[in-house]
Amino acid sequence: MQTMVDSFLSLVSFDSPSFEEDRLALYLEHKLLSLGLSTQYDEAGNLYAYLPGSGPTVLLNAHMDTVELARGAKPVIEHGIIRTDGTTALGADDKAALAAILSVLETIREKGLEHPNLVVLFTTAEEQGLLGAKKIDPSLLAGVDYAFTLDASQDVGLAITAAPSYDRIEAIFTGKGAHAGFKPETGISAIQMGSDAVSAMHLLRIDEETTANIGSFIAEGAKNIVCDKATLVFEARSLSNEKLEKQVSSMKEALEASAAKHGGAVQIIHDRLYDAYRHHPEAPVLQVFRKACETLSFPLREEPTLGGSDANILNALGIPALVCSIGYEEAHTKGEYITIEQLEKLYLLTMELATL
């Protein structure tokens, strides 16, 4: 088990914020090649690896990038808990998964264990809206029967049964500049238009399946000038496409109504970043996961999530992909941590999934 911990600590030492995964990818590729796998990259820098076996073809998926806050992470182990010195995030999201996959492949090779056909996919820029996964080359995943995306918080043993569709809305308000002291009445305030639009929206928790949020409101200018431009960025997500479309429509209506009320204009840019999926209770990928947890006597939980992952893209490609928790907590914060016990459980679960 020390090998798993050492592997994790080595991976954490690599800075790999989104779009800076190259050094880590080369390290991972070297490890994979040394374990007898063949490797390949696509145009996005996603790393694929293959280990022929017998039976079904199983994909093990994790992402190589971390949030920027994990740059310069210095892990500290105290009382069986791995965290940083408090100045950065840890990067266990998703380097715990990378460590588990490498450690399992090393064990398979050393002990000559039987296994199915294994495909490994390490993606780039997951933290930037699944950008790497969106450029997956489906031909490099031909024949995959099902996949396990190792990328969720909470104790090992959780299966994510559904994930949302996710929309991004950018609104650019254009008003009219004027001197705030001499002739403010001749101006049209972009800040006021944006503020009125936000005030008219139903945001944050909409219902148990739907959320919406304003992430940024940027309106630069001098205090004595009526601001003529403001840019607002929103998100909305839901397990129900019908609910999501209703929410986004109401947000757009608020934006347009505010611009019309004040005599200004608004440009709305709306993108669907990824689509929802929901696994049937008897889906084969779920049954395999349940069997693995039962074999290990791990408490099994099955829950939906309102977070996205590479699994959203894999499922959209027709590959049944199940997101599995890997034991980290407080991801994307300076308080992120993972226990050695959870790393051990993650290794054992990944072994079960990789050897069936």
Protein backbone atom coordinates (compact mmCIF):
# COMPACT_ATOMS: atom_id res chain seq x y z
CA MET A 1 0.00 0.00 0.00
CA GLN A 2 2.96 2.30 0.52
CA THR A 3 3.46 2.20 -3.26
CA MET A 4 0.02 3.75 -3.75
CA VAL A 5 0.75 6.54 -1.26
CA ASP A 6 4.19 7.18 -2.77
CA SER A 7 2.68 7.30 -6.25
CA PHE A 8 0.09 9.82 -5.11
CA LEU A 9 2.70 12.03 -3.45
CA SER A 10 4.85 11.92 -6.60
CA LEU A 11 1.93 12.96 -8.78
CA VAL A 12 0.99 15.80 -6.45
CA SER A 13 4.52 17.17 -6.88
CA PHE A 14 3.80 17.85 -10.56
CA ASP A 15 2.15 21.21 -11.22
CA SER A 16 -0.56 20.49 -13.79
CA PRO A 17 -3.18 23.23 -13.80
CA SER A 18 -5.45 23.18 -16.85
CA PHE A 19 -3.52 23.62 -20.14
CA GLU A 20 -0.21 22.82 -18.40
CA GLU A 21 -0.48 19.05 -18.24
CA ASP A 22 2.41 18.22 -20.62
CA ARG A 23 5.07 17.32 -18.04
CA LEU A 24 2.65 15.16 -16.08
CA ALA A 25 1.41 13.49 -19.26
CA LEU A 26 4.97 12.53 -20.24
CA TYR A 27 5.58 11.09 -16.77
CA LEU A 28 2.35 9.09 -16.95
CA GLU A 29 3.13 7.87 -20.45
CA HIS A 30 6.57 6.69 -19.33
CA LYS A 31 4.97 4.76 -16.46
CA LEU A 32 2.33 3.21 -18.71
CA LEU A 33 4.89 2.15 -21.33
CA SER A 34 7.09 0.60 -18.63
CA LEU A 35 4.09 -1.48 -17.53
CA GLY A 36 3.60 -2.90 -21.02
CA LEU A 37 0.79 -0.68 -22.29
CA SER A 38 0.79 0.99 -25.68
CA THR A 39 -0.04 4.70 -25.74
CA GLN A 40 -1.43 7.37 -28.00
CA TYR A 41 -2.42 11.06 -27.84
CA ASP A 42 -5.14 13.04 -29.57
CA GLU A 43 -5.13 16.69 -30.63
CA ALA A 44 -6.22 17.87 -27.17
CA GLY A 45 -3.35 16.11 -25.43
CA ASN A 46 -5.57 13.40 -23.96
CA LEU A 47 -3.51 10.29 -23.23
CA TYR A 48 -4.84 6.85 -24.20
CA ALA A 49 -3.27 3.53 -23.17
CA TYR A 50 -4.13 -0.08 -23.94
CA LEU A 51 -3.53 -3.40 -22.22
CA PRO A 52 -5.08 -6.37 -24.07
CA GLY A 53 -6.74 -9.04 -21.99
CA SER A 54 -9.77 -11.30 -22.34
CA GLY A 55 -13.48 -10.66 -22.06
CA PRO A 56 -15.10 -7.21 -22.08
CA THR A 57 -13.26 -3.97 -22.73
CA VAL A 58 -13.19 -1.70 -19.67
CA LEU A 59 -12.17 1.95 -19.70
CA LEU A 60 -10.54 3.56 -16.65
CA ASN A 61 -10.77 7.35 -16.85
CA ALA A 62 -9.30 10.23 -14.83
CA HIS A 63 -8.19 13.77 -15.60
CA MET A 64 -4.64 15.11 -15.43
CA ASP A 65 -5.33 18.77 -14.71
CA THR A 66 -5.97 20.45 -11.39
CA VAL A 67 -7.39 23.82 -10.46
CA GLU A 68 -4.85 26.67 -10.43
CA LEU A 69 -5.01 26.72 -6.62
CA ALA A 70 -3.12 23.40 -6.51
CA ARG A 71 -0.01 24.89 -8.13
CA GLY A 72 2.98 24.42 -5.82
CA ALA A 73 1.23 21.92 -3.55
CA LYS A 74 3.37 20.68 -0.66
CA PRO A 75 1.70 17.62 0.86
CA VAL A 76 1.87 16.96 4.58
CA ILE A 77 0.87 13.69 6.29
CA GLU A 78 -0.50 13.95 9.82
CA HIS A 79 -2.51 11.30 11.66
CA GLY A 80 -3.20 9.38 8.46
CA ILE A 81 -4.48 12.44 6.59
CA ILE A 82 -2.77 13.97 3.55
CA ARG A 83 -3.29 17.70 3.06
CA THR A 84 -1.11 20.68 2.12
CA ASP A 85 0.61 23.27 4.25
CA GLY A 86 -2.53 25.39 3.86
CA THR A 87 -1.27 27.65 1.10
CA THR A 88 -2.64 25.63 -1.86
CA ALA A 89 -5.16 22.98 -2.77
CA LEU A 90 -3.88 19.39 -2.73
CA GLY A 91 -4.81 18.17 -6.20
CA ALA A 92 -6.27 14.87 -5.00
CA ASP A 93 -8.92 15.85 -7.52
CA ASP A 94 -7.94 13.95 -9.61
CA LYS A 95 -4.43 12.71 -8.81
CA ALA A 96 -5.73 10.16 -6.33
CA ALA A 97 -7.40 8.48 -9.31
CA LEU A 98 -4.23 8.65 -11.42
CA ALA A 99 -2.27 7.03 -8.57
CA ALA A 100 -4.85 4.26 -8.15
CA ILE A 101 -4.86 3.38 -11.85
CA LEU A 102 -1.06 3.31 -12.07
CA SER A 103 -0.75 1.23 -8.88
CA VAL A 104 -3.33 -1.28 -10.07
CA LEU A 105 -1.65 -1.67 -13.46
CA GLU A 106 1.68 -2.20 -11.68
CA THR A 107 0.16 -4.94 -9.50
CA ILE A 108 -1.44 -6.63 -12.51
CA ARG A 109 1.94 -6.76 -14.24
CA GLU A 110 3.97 -7.86 -11.21
CA LYS A 111 1.55 -10.64 -10.22
CA GLY A 112 0.51 -11.66 -13.72
CA LEU A 113 -3.17 -11.23 -12.88
CA GLU A 114 -5.87 -12.02 -15.40
CA HIS A 115 -7.85 -9.00 -16.55
CA PRO A 116 -10.26 -7.83 -19.24
CA ASN A 117 -9.15 -5.67 -22.12
CA LEU A 118 -8.17 -2.45 -20.38
CA VAL A 119 -8.20 1.02 -21.88
CA VAL A 120 -6.91 4.00 -19.91
CA LEU A 121 -7.92 7.58 -20.70
CA PHE A 122 -6.26 10.52 -18.96
CA THR A 123 -7.82 13.79 -20.10
CA THR A 124 -6.77 17.42 -20.16
CA ALA A 125 -8.60 20.61 -19.12
CA GLU A 126 -11.42 18.82 -17.31
CA GLU A 127 -11.60 21.66 -14.81
CA GLN A 128 -12.31 24.10 -17.66
CA GLY A 129 -15.65 22.60 -18.66
CA LEU A 130 -14.47 19.16 -19.86
CA LEU A 131 -12.54 20.74 -22.73
CA GLY A 132 -10.20 17.78 -23.18
CA ALA A 133 -12.99 15.21 -23.11
CA LYS A 134 -14.92 17.19 -25.72
CA LYS A 135 -12.11 16.48 -28.16
CA ILE A 136 -11.91 12.74 -27.48
CA ASP A 137 -11.27 10.74 -30.65
CA PRO A 138 -14.05 8.09 -30.55
CA SER A 139 -12.04 5.81 -32.85
CA LEU A 140 -9.45 5.45 -30.08
CA LEU A 141 -12.15 4.09 -27.77
CA ALA A 142 -13.75 1.69 -30.24
CA GLY A 143 -15.06 -1.47 -28.61
CA VAL A 144 -15.23 -0.14 -25.03
CA ASP A 145 -18.13 -1.86 -23.25
CA TYR A 146 -18.29 0.44 -20.23
CA ALA A 147 -16.20 2.95 -18.34
CA PHE A 148 -15.42 4.06 -14.81
CA THR A 149 -14.63 7.73 -14.33
CA LEU A 150 -12.76 7.99 -11.03
CA ASP A 151 -13.57 11.56 -10.08
CA ALA A 152 -15.95 12.42 -7.23
CA SER A 153 -15.62 13.44 -3.61
CA GLN A 154 -16.84 11.47 -0.58
CA ASP A 155 -15.78 8.08 0.75
CA VAL A 156 -15.05 5.32 -1.75
CA GLY A 157 -18.20 3.35 -2.53
CA LEU A 158 -20.37 6.05 -4.08
CA ALA A 159 -21.70 5.64 -7.62
CA ILE A 160 -23.07 8.69 -9.44
CA THR A 161 -26.23 7.53 -11.18
CA ALA A 162 -27.12 10.78 -12.96
CA ALA A 163 -25.45 14.09 -13.85
CA PRO A 164 -26.82 17.33 -15.29
CA SER A 165 -26.88 19.28 -18.48
CA TYR A 166 -24.92 22.49 -18.09
CA ASP A 167 -25.47 25.81 -19.86
CA ARG A 168 -23.31 28.94 -19.88
CA ILE A 169 -24.87 32.34 -20.57
CA GLU A 170 -22.81 35.47 -21.18
CA ALA A 171 -24.64 38.79 -21.36
CA ILE A 172 -22.95 41.95 -22.65
CA PHE A 173 -24.97 45.09 -21.85
CA THR A 174 -24.30 48.22 -23.90
CA GLY A 175 -25.56 51.54 -22.63
CA LYS A 176 -24.53 55.13 -23.20
CA GLY A 177 -21.72 56.95 -21.43
CA ALA A 178 -22.25 60.35 -19.82
CA HIS A 179 -20.67 62.54 -17.16
CA ALA A 180 -22.08 61.43 -13.82
CA GLY A 181 -22.13 64.97 -12.44
CA PHE A 182 -23.00 67.21 -15.39
CA LYS A 183 -25.49 65.17 -17.45
CA PRO A 184 -26.18 61.77 -15.86
CA GLU A 185 -29.75 61.80 -17.23
CA THR A 186 -28.38 61.55 -20.79
CA GLY A 187 -26.57 58.31 -20.03
CA ILE A 188 -27.73 54.71 -19.96
CA SER A 189 -26.06 52.70 -17.23
CA ALA A 190 -24.97 49.21 -18.21
CA ILE A 191 -24.45 48.46 -14.52
CA GLN A 192 -28.04 49.41 -13.75
CA MET A 193 -29.33 47.26 -16.60
CA GLY A 194 -27.33 44.29 -15.39
CA SER A 195 -28.35 44.79 -11.78
CA ASP A 196 -32.03 45.02 -12.63
CA ALA A 197 -31.78 41.85 -14.71
CA VAL A 198 -30.13 39.93 -11.88
CA SER A 199 -32.72 41.19 -9.39
CA ALA A 200 -35.49 39.84 -11.62
CA MET A 201 -34.00 36.35 -11.85
CA HIS A 202 -34.66 33.29 -9.72
CA LEU A 203 -31.11 32.11 -8.92
CA LEU A 204 -29.16 29.61 -6.77
CA ARG A 205 -31.29 26.59 -5.74
CA ILE A 206 -34.25 26.38 -8.11
CA ASP A 207 -35.41 22.88 -7.10
CA GLU A 208 -33.86 19.53 -6.19
CA GLU A 209 -32.72 19.01 -9.79
CA THR A 210 -31.85 22.53 -10.90
CA THR A 211 -29.49 25.36 -9.94
CA ALA A 212 -28.52 28.71 -11.48
CA ASN A 213 -25.84 31.23 -10.59
CA ILE A 214 -24.18 34.46 -11.63
CA GLY A 215 -20.46 33.85 -11.59
CA SER A 216 -19.10 37.27 -12.54
CA PHE A 217 -20.24 40.86 -13.15
CA ILE A 218 -17.54 43.01 -14.78
CA ALA A 219 -18.09 46.70 -15.47
CA GLU A 220 -14.89 48.71 -15.53
CA GLY A 221 -14.90 52.48 -15.53
CA ALA A 222 -14.41 55.69 -13.61
CA LYS A 223 -16.76 56.58 -10.77
CA ASN A 224 -17.72 59.87 -12.46
CA ILE A 225 -18.82 58.31 -15.75
CA VAL A 226 -22.11 56.50 -16.39
CA CYS A 227 -20.84 53.03 -17.31
CA ASP A 228 -21.68 52.05 -20.87
CA LYS A 229 -20.62 48.38 -20.84
CA ALA A 230 -21.07 45.48 -18.45
CA THR A 231 -20.43 41.77 -18.93
CA LEU A 232 -22.22 39.18 -16.81
CA VAL A 233 -21.59 35.43 -16.89
CA PHE A 234 -24.20 32.97 -15.66
CA GLU A 235 -24.55 29.22 -15.44
CA ALA A 236 -27.55 26.95 -15.13
CA ARG A 237 -27.64 23.20 -14.69
CA SER A 238 -30.30 20.56 -14.25
CA LEU A 239 -30.87 16.82 -14.36
CA SER A 240 -33.95 17.66 -16.47
CA ASN A 241 -33.44 19.28 -19.87
CA GLU A 242 -37.00 20.57 -19.75
CA LYS A 243 -36.35 22.34 -16.45
CA LEU A 244 -33.04 23.67 -17.71
CA GLU A 245 -34.59 25.14 -20.84
CA LYS A 246 -37.29 26.80 -18.75
CA GLN A 247 -34.71 28.29 -16.37
CA VAL A 248 -32.45 29.58 -19.14
CA SER A 249 -35.41 31.04 -21.01
CA SER A 250 -36.50 32.98 -17.92
CA MET A 251 -32.95 34.31 -17.45
CA LYS A 252 -32.76 35.48 -21.05
CA GLU A 253 -36.14 37.17 -20.73
CA ALA A 254 -34.91 39.09 -17.67
CA LEU A 255 -31.80 40.23 -19.54
CA GLU A 256 -33.75 41.40 -22.59
CA ALA A 257 -36.48 43.07 -20.53
CA SER A 258 -33.93 45.08 -18.54
CA ALA A 259 -32.17 46.31 -21.68
CA ALA A 260 -35.48 47.36 -23.22
CA LYS A 261 -36.62 49.09 -20.03
CA HIS A 262 -33.53 51.31 -19.93
CA GLY A 263 -33.19 51.88 -23.67
CA GLY A 264 -29.94 50.00 -23.98
CA ALA A 265 -28.95 46.75 -25.68
CA VAL A 266 -27.83 43.31 -24.62
CA GLN A 267 -25.93 40.62 -26.52
CA ILE A 268 -26.59 37.12 -25.18
CA ILE A 269 -24.20 34.24 -25.87
CA HIS A 270 -25.65 30.89 -24.82
CA ASP A 271 -23.73 27.61 -24.95
CA ARG A 272 -24.57 24.04 -23.86
CA LEU A 273 -21.31 22.79 -22.38
CA TYR A 274 -22.44 19.22 -21.83
CA ASP A 275 -25.54 17.04 -21.70
CA ALA A 276 -27.20 15.17 -18.86
CA TYR A 277 -27.28 11.42 -18.47
CA ARG A 278 -29.04 8.98 -16.17
CA HIS A 279 -28.18 5.31 -15.67
CA HIS A 280 -30.93 2.71 -15.53
CA PRO A 281 -30.95 0.96 -12.12
CA GLU A 282 -30.02 -2.33 -13.79
CA ALA A 283 -27.37 -0.93 -16.14
CA PRO A 284 -24.45 -3.39 -16.50
CA VAL A 285 -21.90 -0.76 -15.44
CA LEU A 286 -23.82 -0.25 -12.19
CA GLN A 287 -24.08 -3.98 -11.60
CA VAL A 288 -20.31 -4.38 -11.97
CA PHE A 289 -19.73 -1.57 -9.48
CA ARG A 290 -22.20 -3.07 -6.99
CA LYS A 291 -20.49 -6.46 -7.25
CA ALA A 292 -17.09 -4.87 -6.63
CA CYS A 293 -18.32 -3.08 -3.51
CA GLU A 294 -20.02 -6.26 -2.28
CA THR A 295 -16.82 -8.27 -2.77
CA LEU A 296 -14.88 -5.71 -0.74
CA SER A 297 -17.65 -5.23 1.84
CA PHE A 298 -17.67 -1.49 1.08
CA PRO A 299 -20.90 0.36 1.95
CA LEU A 300 -22.60 1.13 -1.39
CA ARG A 301 -24.30 4.45 -2.11
CA GLU A 302 -25.97 5.49 -5.33
CA GLU A 303 -26.79 9.18 -5.85
CA PRO A 304 -27.29 11.76 -8.61
CA THR A 305 -25.05 14.83 -8.76
CA LEU A 306 -25.29 18.35 -10.10
CA GLY A 307 -21.59 18.34 -11.01
CA GLY A 308 -20.18 17.43 -14.40
CA SER A 309 -17.29 15.14 -15.33
CA ASP A 310 -15.70 13.39 -18.29
CA ALA A 311 -18.48 10.82 -17.91
CA ASN A 312 -20.95 13.32 -19.38
CA ILE A 313 -18.97 13.28 -22.61
CA LEU A 314 -18.36 9.52 -22.59
CA ASN A 315 -22.05 8.78 -22.09
CA ALA A 316 -22.92 11.18 -24.92
CA LEU A 317 -20.55 9.13 -27.12
CA GLY A 318 -22.53 6.01 -26.29
CA ILE A 319 -20.05 4.59 -23.76
CA PRO A 320 -21.82 3.78 -20.46
CA ALA A 321 -19.62 5.62 -17.97
CA LEU A 322 -20.11 5.57 -14.21
CA VAL A 323 -18.53 8.21 -11.97
CA CYS A 324 -17.07 6.74 -8.79
CA SER A 325 -16.08 8.58 -5.62
CA ILE A 326 -12.39 8.43 -4.80
CA GLY A 327 -12.24 9.67 -1.22
CA TYR A 328 -11.07 13.27 -1.35
CA GLU A 329 -12.88 16.11 0.42
CA GLU A 330 -12.97 19.92 0.10
CA ALA A 331 -11.71 19.87 -3.49
CA HIS A 332 -10.70 23.20 -5.08
CA THR A 333 -9.92 24.72 -1.67
CA LYS A 334 -6.86 25.09 0.54
CA GLY A 335 -8.55 22.67 2.93
CA GLU A 336 -8.60 19.77 0.44
CA TYR A 337 -7.51 16.45 1.94
CA ILE A 338 -7.60 12.69 1.54
CA THR A 339 -6.91 9.99 4.12
CA ILE A 340 -4.52 7.11 3.61
CA GLU A 341 -7.43 4.80 4.45
CA GLN A 342 -9.42 6.19 1.51
CA LEU A 343 -6.42 5.82 -0.81
CA GLU A 344 -6.20 2.17 0.24
CA LYS A 345 -9.89 1.63 -0.43
CA LEU A 346 -9.61 3.37 -3.79
CA TYR A 347 -6.77 1.06 -4.77
CA LEU A 348 -8.79 -2.02 -3.79
CA LEU A 349 -11.90 -0.87 -5.63
CA THR A 350 -9.96 0.04 -8.77
CA MET A 351 -8.32 -3.40 -8.64
CA GLU A 352 -11.73 -5.07 -8.54
CA LEU A 353 -13.00 -2.99 -11.46
CA ALA A 354 -9.83 -3.68 -13.49
CA THR A 355 -9.76 -7.44 -12.92
CA LEU A 356 -13.48 -8.26 -12.72
